[in-house]
Amino acid sequence: MAESASDSVVSITGGRSFNGTLSVPGDKSISHRALLISCLASGTSIIKGLSQGKDVQATKALIAHLGARVDERGGRIFVEGGRDRLHSPGTVLDVGNSGTLIRLGAGLVAGLGGSYTFSGDESVNRRPMKRVFTPLVQMGAVIEASNHGDNAPFTLISHGLNGITYEMPVASAQVKSAILLAGLGASGTTTVIERIPTRRHSEEMLLDAGAEIDVTRYTDRSEIYIRRSSLQPLEYDIPGDPSQAAYWLVAALITPHSQITVKNIYLGDLRTDFIPVLTRMGAEIDISYRSRNSGDVTARSSQLNSTEIMPDEIPGLIDEIPILSVAAACANGTTVITGASELRVKESDRISVMVQALRSFNAKVEEFSDGMAISGGEKLHAGKVLAHLDHRIAMACSILGAAVADETEISGFESVESSYPTFLADLWNLTTA
């Protein structure tokens, strides 16, 4: 059903149903943060369920370059960390394709002090970094960067930071997290003000590790305060990534005679906002909680209807817009997505690339500067997709390719290794003719 034609091209034979139960890779956002916090914590942290994607493996390699001891035994990762172990490695810190790592890593080393040079692949080196550089420079870091100071490669030099008050100009959990990690090593109090809520993993995990961090929520904003802190080692059991689960849940919804259960995924705030969106589109989805923030989710074949995704919803859906676009292409009516201009500076310009991909399937799509309108109900057929080395585009279009007739060709598929190396194997195991 799915076979690789080369290192970068995959063909997906459609007309399938999806049935079964699976576990998806450990949550990528939590995996990155577990490694970074563990390298700062004095002692040995233990991590179970770490994502095996290349992005997280790059984080594991980076903390080892900084001086943390990283071992793997019995399926668990042991990280012996602490500030006294960490130092500038005297070599370029390679983040690969990980935008999360280059931004959070910059904040982490700024708080350590010293000189550090970062670079990544071509995609990452195009991504805007000034949004991270600006607060770090205000705190006292010196940054020399490419393209008039906006991109990697860059060198960051820090000889001591001071706490600042910084109001976020754009909603970004990555920028917020970079500032908080830097604040761990700064004198005084660092305050981050958010007008639009973003994912709270960093605050929650830093608090669990013993950071001096407080959060005050008002009706129109949140204020997060962090002070210089020593962190304690923890044991992490990372649940499945809800962004990866979304592909299979939508697959079940848009194909006939299908039912998929994804086991033990993270269900915390701002990580499963795609589920209410799908539910209001008519999706049959059930959730069975295992704990306060994790559980099993089941989806079955449903007749979907269009919806409107508003700007204030986007921060909780930023990774799921590609697969929600696939759901919209299979729904009755016209789905409108606005306020999503942040998608233009991801691994690819996800608005433009997804619009072109959907059109290749014969979907009727109108492109906006900050989103798109997708008219469902068209007669869809196999597509020919250029994923532009964007893992979320490649996986979303694989699901649509499996749903329509004939054979869909996706170029740039190797990017899926960055987050979900077993995606094609799971696709094969869950599909039936």
Protein backbone atom coordinates (compact mmCIF):
# COMPACT_ATOMS: atom_id res chain seq x y z
CA MET A 1 0.00 0.00 0.00
CA ALA A 2 2.87 2.34 0.75
CA GLU A 3 6.29 1.82 -0.70
CA SER A 4 9.32 4.02 -1.13
CA ALA A 5 10.27 4.78 -4.72
CA SER A 6 13.47 6.53 -3.65
CA ASP A 7 14.94 8.18 -0.60
CA SER A 8 12.42 11.01 -0.89
CA VAL A 9 9.37 9.79 -2.86
CA VAL A 10 6.60 7.59 -1.47
CA SER A 11 3.57 6.23 -3.31
CA ILE A 12 0.31 5.70 -1.41
CA THR A 13 -2.37 3.46 -2.92
CA GLY A 14 -5.81 4.70 -1.93
CA GLY A 15 -9.33 3.37 -1.46
CA ARG A 16 -8.59 2.04 2.04
CA SER A 17 -10.21 1.75 5.45
CA PHE A 18 -8.38 2.21 8.75
CA ASN A 19 -8.92 -0.14 11.67
CA GLY A 20 -6.99 -1.08 14.77
CA THR A 21 -5.27 0.14 17.90
CA LEU A 22 -1.84 1.73 18.10
CA SER A 23 0.53 3.81 20.17
CA VAL A 24 2.20 6.85 18.63
CA PRO A 25 5.67 8.22 19.42
CA GLY A 26 6.23 10.00 22.70
CA ASP A 27 5.12 13.61 22.74
CA LYS A 28 7.74 15.62 20.86
CA SER A 29 7.27 18.87 22.77
CA ILE A 30 7.57 17.13 26.13
CA SER A 31 10.51 15.02 24.92
CA HIS A 32 12.56 18.09 23.96
CA ARG A 33 11.85 19.75 27.29
CA ALA A 34 12.50 16.63 29.36
CA LEU A 35 16.01 16.39 27.89
CA LEU A 36 16.80 20.09 28.25
CA ILE A 37 15.52 20.30 31.83
CA SER A 38 17.32 17.05 32.72
CA CYS A 39 20.64 18.43 31.51
CA LEU A 40 20.23 21.40 33.87
CA ALA A 41 19.13 19.30 36.85
CA SER A 42 21.85 18.23 39.31
CA GLY A 43 21.76 14.43 39.41
CA THR A 44 20.33 11.68 37.22
CA SER A 45 16.97 12.01 35.50
CA ILE A 46 15.23 9.02 33.92
CA ILE A 47 13.10 9.38 30.80
CA LYS A 48 10.71 6.71 29.50
CA GLY A 49 8.78 6.99 26.25
CA LEU A 50 11.09 9.54 24.61
CA SER A 51 10.25 10.34 20.99
CA GLN A 52 12.60 8.53 18.60
CA GLY A 53 12.25 11.13 15.85
CA LYS A 54 15.35 12.84 14.52
CA ASP A 55 14.37 16.19 16.06
CA VAL A 56 14.45 14.80 19.59
CA GLN A 57 17.55 12.75 18.86
CA ALA A 58 19.23 16.04 17.91
CA THR A 59 18.31 17.41 21.34
CA LYS A 60 19.77 14.32 22.98
CA ALA A 61 23.00 14.82 21.05
CA LEU A 62 23.10 18.53 21.87
CA ILE A 63 22.91 18.10 25.64
CA ALA A 64 25.68 15.49 25.40
CA HIS A 65 27.84 18.02 23.53
CA LEU A 66 27.17 20.49 26.35
CA GLY A 67 28.53 18.00 28.88
CA ALA A 68 25.54 16.04 30.17
CA ARG A 69 26.04 12.28 30.35
CA VAL A 70 23.36 10.50 28.35
CA ASP A 71 22.90 6.71 28.47
CA GLU A 72 20.16 4.40 27.22
CA ARG A 73 19.37 1.18 29.07
CA GLY A 74 16.30 -1.02 28.92
CA GLY A 75 14.37 1.43 26.78
CA ARG A 76 14.94 4.30 29.20
CA ILE A 77 17.18 7.36 28.88
CA PHE A 78 19.39 8.32 31.83
CA VAL A 79 20.62 11.92 31.87
CA GLU A 80 23.23 12.97 34.42
CA GLY A 81 23.17 16.74 34.39
CA GLY A 82 23.85 19.88 36.38
CA ARG A 83 25.24 23.33 35.62
CA ASP A 84 28.68 22.36 36.89
CA ARG A 85 28.91 19.73 34.10
CA LEU A 86 27.84 22.00 31.26
CA HIS A 87 30.16 24.06 29.07
CA SER A 88 30.64 25.41 25.57
CA PRO A 89 31.66 22.44 23.38
CA GLY A 90 33.92 24.47 21.09
CA THR A 91 32.08 23.10 18.05
CA VAL A 92 28.91 23.98 16.17
CA LEU A 93 25.72 22.76 17.84
CA ASP A 94 23.77 21.11 15.00
CA VAL A 95 19.99 21.11 15.53
CA GLY A 96 19.16 19.35 12.26
CA ASN A 97 15.57 20.15 11.26
CA SER A 98 14.36 21.13 14.74
CA GLY A 99 12.99 24.64 15.10
CA THR A 100 12.06 23.84 18.70
CA LEU A 101 15.62 22.91 19.58
CA ILE A 102 17.31 25.93 18.01
CA ARG A 103 15.02 28.30 19.90
CA LEU A 104 14.93 26.55 23.27
CA GLY A 105 18.62 25.72 23.00
CA ALA A 106 19.47 29.38 22.52
CA GLY A 107 17.66 30.25 25.74
CA LEU A 108 19.30 27.42 27.65
CA VAL A 109 22.90 28.32 26.74
CA ALA A 110 22.29 32.04 27.25
CA GLY A 111 21.57 31.21 30.88
CA LEU A 112 24.71 29.08 31.14
CA GLY A 113 27.13 31.71 29.88
CA GLY A 114 29.97 31.31 27.37
CA SER A 115 30.08 31.25 23.58
CA TYR A 116 27.95 28.89 21.48
CA THR A 117 27.40 28.54 17.73
CA PHE A 118 24.17 27.02 16.37
CA SER A 119 23.24 25.82 12.91
CA GLY A 120 20.73 23.48 11.32
CA ASP A 121 19.61 22.21 7.97
CA GLU A 122 18.57 24.51 5.14
CA SER A 123 14.98 24.70 6.37
CA VAL A 124 15.88 25.62 9.95
CA ASN A 125 18.45 28.17 8.83
CA ARG A 126 15.66 30.02 7.00
CA ARG A 127 13.37 30.22 10.03
CA PRO A 128 12.99 33.58 11.79
CA MET A 129 15.09 33.82 14.95
CA LYS A 130 14.89 37.53 15.76
CA ARG A 131 11.80 36.87 17.88
CA VAL A 132 14.11 34.83 20.18
CA PHE A 133 17.18 37.03 19.82
CA THR A 134 15.36 40.21 20.85
CA PRO A 135 14.53 39.20 24.45
CA LEU A 136 17.86 37.38 24.93
CA VAL A 137 19.77 40.49 23.84
CA GLN A 138 17.64 42.58 26.21
CA MET A 139 18.74 40.20 28.97
CA GLY A 140 22.41 40.77 28.10
CA ALA A 141 23.37 38.20 25.48
CA VAL A 142 25.39 39.17 22.41
CA ILE A 143 24.27 37.48 19.19
CA GLU A 144 25.93 37.50 15.78
CA ALA A 145 23.57 36.01 13.22
CA SER A 146 23.13 35.54 9.48
CA ASN A 147 20.83 37.53 7.18
CA HIS A 148 20.99 40.84 9.04
CA GLY A 149 20.66 39.16 12.42
CA ASP A 150 17.52 37.14 11.72
CA ASN A 151 18.64 33.58 10.95
CA ALA A 152 20.96 30.74 11.84
CA PRO A 153 23.83 30.04 11.75
CA PHE A 154 24.43 32.30 14.73
CA THR A 155 26.84 32.67 17.62
CA LEU A 156 25.52 33.58 21.08
CA ILE A 157 27.85 34.97 23.74
CA SER A 158 26.70 35.45 27.31
CA HIS A 159 28.63 36.70 30.34
CA GLY A 160 25.69 36.98 32.68
CA LEU A 161 22.02 37.82 32.14
CA ASN A 162 19.63 40.15 33.92
CA GLY A 163 15.93 39.49 34.33
CA ILE A 164 13.55 41.51 32.15
CA THR A 165 9.82 41.99 31.70
CA TYR A 166 8.87 40.92 28.19
CA GLU A 167 5.44 41.05 26.59
CA MET A 168 5.17 38.52 23.79
CA PRO A 169 4.52 40.25 20.44
CA VAL A 170 3.46 36.94 18.86
CA ALA A 171 1.97 33.85 20.45
CA SER A 172 4.84 31.33 20.58
CA ALA A 173 5.46 28.60 23.13
CA GLN A 174 8.99 28.24 21.74
CA VAL A 175 9.91 31.89 22.35
CA LYS A 176 8.31 31.82 25.79
CA SER A 177 10.23 28.68 26.67
CA ALA A 178 13.54 30.15 25.49
CA ILE A 179 13.05 33.16 27.77
CA LEU A 180 12.14 30.98 30.74
CA LEU A 181 15.19 28.76 30.28
CA ALA A 182 17.39 31.84 30.05
CA GLY A 183 15.69 33.24 33.16
CA LEU A 184 16.86 30.22 35.16
CA GLY A 185 20.39 31.63 34.91
CA ALA A 186 19.60 35.36 35.11
CA SER A 187 19.86 37.67 38.09
CA GLY A 188 16.58 39.05 39.39
CA THR A 189 13.15 38.10 38.10
CA THR A 190 12.28 37.42 34.48
CA THR A 191 8.63 38.08 33.61
CA VAL A 192 6.89 36.89 30.45
CA ILE A 193 3.49 38.39 29.62
CA GLU A 194 1.20 36.45 27.27
CA ARG A 195 -1.94 37.98 25.80
CA ILE A 196 -2.77 34.80 23.89
CA PRO A 197 -2.23 31.52 25.80
CA THR A 198 0.28 29.04 24.38
CA ARG A 199 1.26 25.52 25.39
CA ARG A 200 2.24 25.33 29.05
CA HIS A 201 4.66 22.40 29.04
CA SER A 202 7.68 24.49 30.00
CA GLU A 203 6.03 26.15 32.99
CA GLU A 204 4.59 22.88 34.27
CA MET A 205 7.79 20.87 33.81
CA LEU A 206 10.06 23.55 35.28
CA LEU A 207 7.79 23.79 38.32
CA ASP A 208 7.93 20.02 38.77
CA ALA A 209 11.74 20.20 38.63
CA GLY A 210 11.88 22.75 41.43
CA ALA A 211 12.25 26.00 39.51
CA GLU A 212 11.21 29.21 41.26
CA ILE A 213 8.38 29.93 38.87
CA ASP A 214 4.95 31.46 39.41
CA VAL A 215 2.08 32.05 37.03
CA THR A 216 -0.69 34.61 37.51
CA ARG A 217 -3.61 34.47 35.09
CA TYR A 218 -5.78 37.50 34.47
CA THR A 219 -8.80 37.81 32.20
CA ASP A 220 -6.73 39.40 29.42
CA ARG A 221 -3.24 37.96 29.98
CA SER A 222 -0.97 35.58 31.86
CA GLU A 223 2.18 36.69 33.66
CA ILE A 224 4.92 34.11 34.24
CA TYR A 225 7.70 34.92 36.71
CA ILE A 226 10.92 32.93 36.96
CA ARG A 227 14.05 33.42 39.05
CA ARG A 228 17.52 31.89 39.09
CA SER A 229 16.93 28.31 40.18
CA SER A 230 18.61 24.98 40.80
CA LEU A 231 16.68 22.08 39.29
CA GLN A 232 16.18 18.61 40.70
CA PRO A 233 16.28 15.38 38.66
CA LEU A 234 12.99 13.71 37.84
CA GLU A 235 11.56 10.56 36.32
CA TYR A 236 9.54 11.27 33.18
CA ASP A 237 7.00 8.93 31.60
CA ILE A 238 6.14 10.64 28.33
CA PRO A 239 2.69 9.94 26.87
CA GLY A 240 2.00 9.71 23.14
CA ASP A 241 2.06 12.81 20.95
CA PRO A 242 -1.47 14.09 20.24
CA SER A 243 -0.29 15.83 17.06
CA GLN A 244 0.76 12.43 15.71
CA ALA A 245 -2.47 10.82 16.90
CA ALA A 246 -4.44 13.40 14.90
CA TYR A 247 -3.39 11.79 11.61
CA TRP A 248 -4.92 8.44 12.52
CA LEU A 249 -8.06 9.93 14.04
CA VAL A 250 -8.75 11.93 10.88
CA ALA A 251 -7.92 8.84 8.79
CA ALA A 252 -10.70 6.92 10.54
CA LEU A 253 -13.14 9.81 10.20
CA ILE A 254 -12.76 10.29 6.43
CA THR A 255 -12.64 6.66 5.27
CA PRO A 256 -15.55 4.18 5.27
CA HIS A 257 -15.89 1.27 7.71
CA SER A 258 -13.05 2.60 9.87
CA GLN A 259 -12.34 2.76 13.59
CA ILE A 260 -9.01 3.68 15.19
CA THR A 261 -8.00 3.84 18.85
CA VAL A 262 -4.80 5.68 19.76
CA LYS A 263 -3.58 4.65 23.19
CA ASN A 264 -2.20 6.77 26.00
CA ILE A 265 -1.78 10.17 24.36
CA TYR A 266 -1.21 13.48 26.13
CA LEU A 267 -4.53 15.30 26.70
CA GLY A 268 -3.37 18.46 28.48
CA ASP A 269 -4.47 22.03 27.80
CA LEU A 270 -3.84 23.49 24.32
CA ARG A 271 -2.63 20.16 22.91
CA THR A 272 -5.88 18.51 21.85
CA ASP A 273 -7.84 21.53 20.66
CA PHE A 274 -8.18 19.74 17.32
CA ILE A 275 -10.61 17.28 18.93
CA PRO A 276 -13.32 19.90 19.67
CA VAL A 277 -12.85 21.26 16.14
CA LEU A 278 -13.42 17.79 14.66
CA THR A 279 -16.35 17.18 17.02
CA ARG A 280 -18.15 20.31 15.89
CA MET A 281 -17.59 19.12 12.32
CA GLY A 282 -19.57 16.00 13.21
CA ALA A 283 -16.80 13.58 14.16
CA GLU A 284 -17.59 10.58 16.33
CA ILE A 285 -14.75 10.65 18.85
CA ASP A 286 -14.57 9.09 22.32
CA ILE A 287 -11.99 9.79 25.03
CA SER A 288 -11.14 7.40 27.86
CA TYR A 289 -8.88 9.05 30.44
CA ARG A 290 -6.07 7.09 32.08
CA SER A 291 -4.92 10.05 34.18
CA ARG A 292 -5.61 13.78 34.41
CA ASN A 293 -3.53 14.49 31.30
CA SER A 294 -3.48 11.25 29.31
CA GLY A 295 -5.85 8.70 27.85
CA ASP A 296 -7.04 6.69 24.85
CA VAL A 297 -8.90 8.32 21.96
CA THR A 298 -11.16 6.48 19.48
CA ALA A 299 -12.51 7.81 16.18
CA ARG A 300 -14.82 6.14 13.69
CA SER A 301 -16.11 6.87 10.20
CA SER A 302 -18.20 10.06 10.22
CA GLN A 303 -19.88 12.46 7.85
CA LEU A 304 -18.06 15.72 8.42
CA ASN A 305 -19.36 19.24 7.87
CA SER A 306 -17.46 22.47 7.42
CA THR A 307 -16.47 24.81 10.24
CA GLU A 308 -14.70 28.11 10.80
CA ILE A 309 -11.37 28.08 12.61
CA MET A 310 -10.86 31.49 14.20
CA PRO A 311 -7.59 33.33 14.98
CA ASP A 312 -7.92 32.81 18.75
CA GLU A 313 -7.99 29.03 18.18
CA ILE A 314 -4.79 28.88 16.14
CA PRO A 315 -2.22 28.70 19.02
CA GLY A 316 -3.82 25.43 20.15
CA LEU A 317 -3.97 24.04 16.60
CA ILE A 318 -0.72 25.23 15.07
CA ASP A 319 0.65 21.73 14.37
CA GLU A 320 -2.68 20.20 13.35
CA ILE A 321 -3.76 22.65 10.63
CA PRO A 322 -2.41 20.42 7.80
CA ILE A 323 -4.42 17.37 8.90
CA LEU A 324 -7.47 19.51 9.73
CA SER A 325 -7.20 20.81 6.17
CA VAL A 326 -7.46 17.22 4.96
CA ALA A 327 -10.58 16.72 7.07
CA ALA A 328 -12.02 19.93 5.59
CA ALA A 329 -11.39 18.69 2.04
CA CYS A 330 -13.56 15.65 2.85
CA ALA A 331 -16.32 17.62 4.61
CA ASN A 332 -19.53 19.15 3.29
CA GLY A 333 -19.36 22.91 2.84
CA THR A 334 -16.52 25.42 3.01
CA THR A 335 -14.14 25.48 5.97
CA VAL A 336 -12.41 28.81 6.58
CA ILE A 337 -9.13 29.10 8.51
CA THR A 338 -7.81 32.56 9.45
CA GLY A 339 -5.21 34.02 11.81
CA ALA A 340 -2.67 31.34 10.91
CA SER A 341 0.11 33.46 9.38
CA GLU A 342 2.60 31.76 11.73
CA LEU A 343 2.29 28.71 9.46
CA ARG A 344 4.24 30.55 6.78
CA VAL A 345 7.45 30.32 8.84
CA LYS A 346 7.37 26.64 9.84
CA GLU A 347 9.42 23.87 8.18
CA SER A 348 7.80 25.10 4.99
CA ASP A 349 5.30 27.84 4.16
CA ARG A 350 2.54 25.52 5.33
CA ILE A 351 -0.26 27.68 3.99
CA SER A 352 1.05 27.83 0.44
CA VAL A 353 2.37 24.27 0.39
CA MET A 354 -0.85 22.79 1.80
CA VAL A 355 -3.00 24.80 -0.62
CA GLN A 356 -1.00 23.44 -3.58
CA ALA A 357 -1.12 19.92 -2.17
CA LEU A 358 -4.89 19.96 -1.71
CA ARG A 359 -5.39 21.35 -5.21
CA SER A 360 -3.41 18.42 -6.58
CA PHE A 361 -6.14 16.19 -5.10
CA ASN A 362 -8.75 18.31 -6.97
CA ALA A 363 -9.86 20.15 -3.83
CA LYS A 364 -11.13 23.70 -4.31
CA VAL A 365 -8.99 25.94 -2.08
CA GLU A 366 -8.66 29.70 -1.78
CA GLU A 367 -5.43 30.99 -0.23
CA PHE A 368 -5.30 33.97 2.17
CA SER A 369 -2.30 35.71 3.66
CA ASP A 370 -3.20 34.15 7.02
CA GLY A 371 -5.06 31.00 6.08
CA MET A 372 -7.30 29.36 3.50
CA ALA A 373 -10.86 28.42 2.55
CA ILE A 374 -11.38 24.76 1.65
CA SER A 375 -14.55 23.70 -0.15
CA GLY A 376 -15.39 20.08 0.54
CA GLY A 377 -17.66 17.86 -1.48
CA GLU A 378 -15.54 17.99 -4.61
CA LYS A 379 -14.69 14.74 -6.39
CA LEU A 380 -11.20 14.11 -5.04
CA HIS A 381 -8.64 11.98 -6.82
CA ALA A 382 -5.05 10.88 -6.27
CA GLY A 383 -2.60 13.75 -5.91
CA LYS A 384 1.00 14.52 -6.66
CA VAL A 385 2.44 16.33 -3.66
CA LEU A 386 5.64 18.28 -3.10
CA ALA A 387 6.01 18.20 0.68
CA HIS A 388 9.01 20.55 0.69
CA LEU A 389 10.66 18.35 3.32
CA ASP A 390 7.89 19.19 5.81
CA HIS A 391 6.93 16.17 7.88
CA ARG A 392 3.43 17.41 8.71
CA ILE A 393 2.58 18.08 5.07
CA ALA A 394 3.89 14.64 4.07
CA MET A 395 1.93 12.77 6.74
CA ALA A 396 -1.31 14.73 6.23
CA CYS A 397 -1.22 14.10 2.48
CA SER A 398 -0.49 10.42 3.05
CA ILE A 399 -3.76 10.15 4.93
CA LEU A 400 -5.67 11.86 2.12
CA GLY A 401 -3.87 9.68 -0.41
CA ALA A 402 -5.06 6.57 1.42
CA ALA A 403 -8.64 7.86 1.41
CA VAL A 404 -8.99 8.62 -2.32
CA ALA A 405 -8.79 6.24 -5.25
CA ASP A 406 -5.65 5.33 -7.18
CA GLU A 407 -2.05 6.15 -6.30
CA THR A 408 -0.78 9.36 -4.73
CA GLU A 409 2.87 10.35 -5.01
CA ILE A 410 4.53 12.38 -2.22
CA SER A 411 7.98 13.89 -2.72
CA GLY A 412 10.09 14.99 0.23
CA PHE A 413 8.86 12.20 2.46
CA GLU A 414 12.14 11.58 4.29
CA SER A 415 11.30 14.55 6.54
CA VAL A 416 8.88 12.25 8.40
CA GLU A 417 11.95 10.72 10.07
CA SER A 418 12.24 13.94 12.08
CA SER A 419 9.15 13.17 14.14
CA TYR A 420 7.58 9.78 13.31
CA PRO A 421 10.03 7.22 11.88
CA THR A 422 7.48 4.36 11.96
CA PHE A 423 4.69 6.30 10.24
CA LEU A 424 4.62 4.22 7.05
CA ALA A 425 4.75 0.95 8.97
CA ASP A 426 1.78 2.06 11.06
CA LEU A 427 -0.05 3.18 7.92
CA TRP A 428 0.43 -0.28 6.41
CA ASN A 429 -0.65 -2.09 9.59
CA LEU A 430 -3.85 -0.07 10.02
CA THR A 431 -5.18 -0.16 6.46
CA THR A 432 -7.29 -2.69 4.67
CA ALA A 433 -8.50 -2.74 1.09
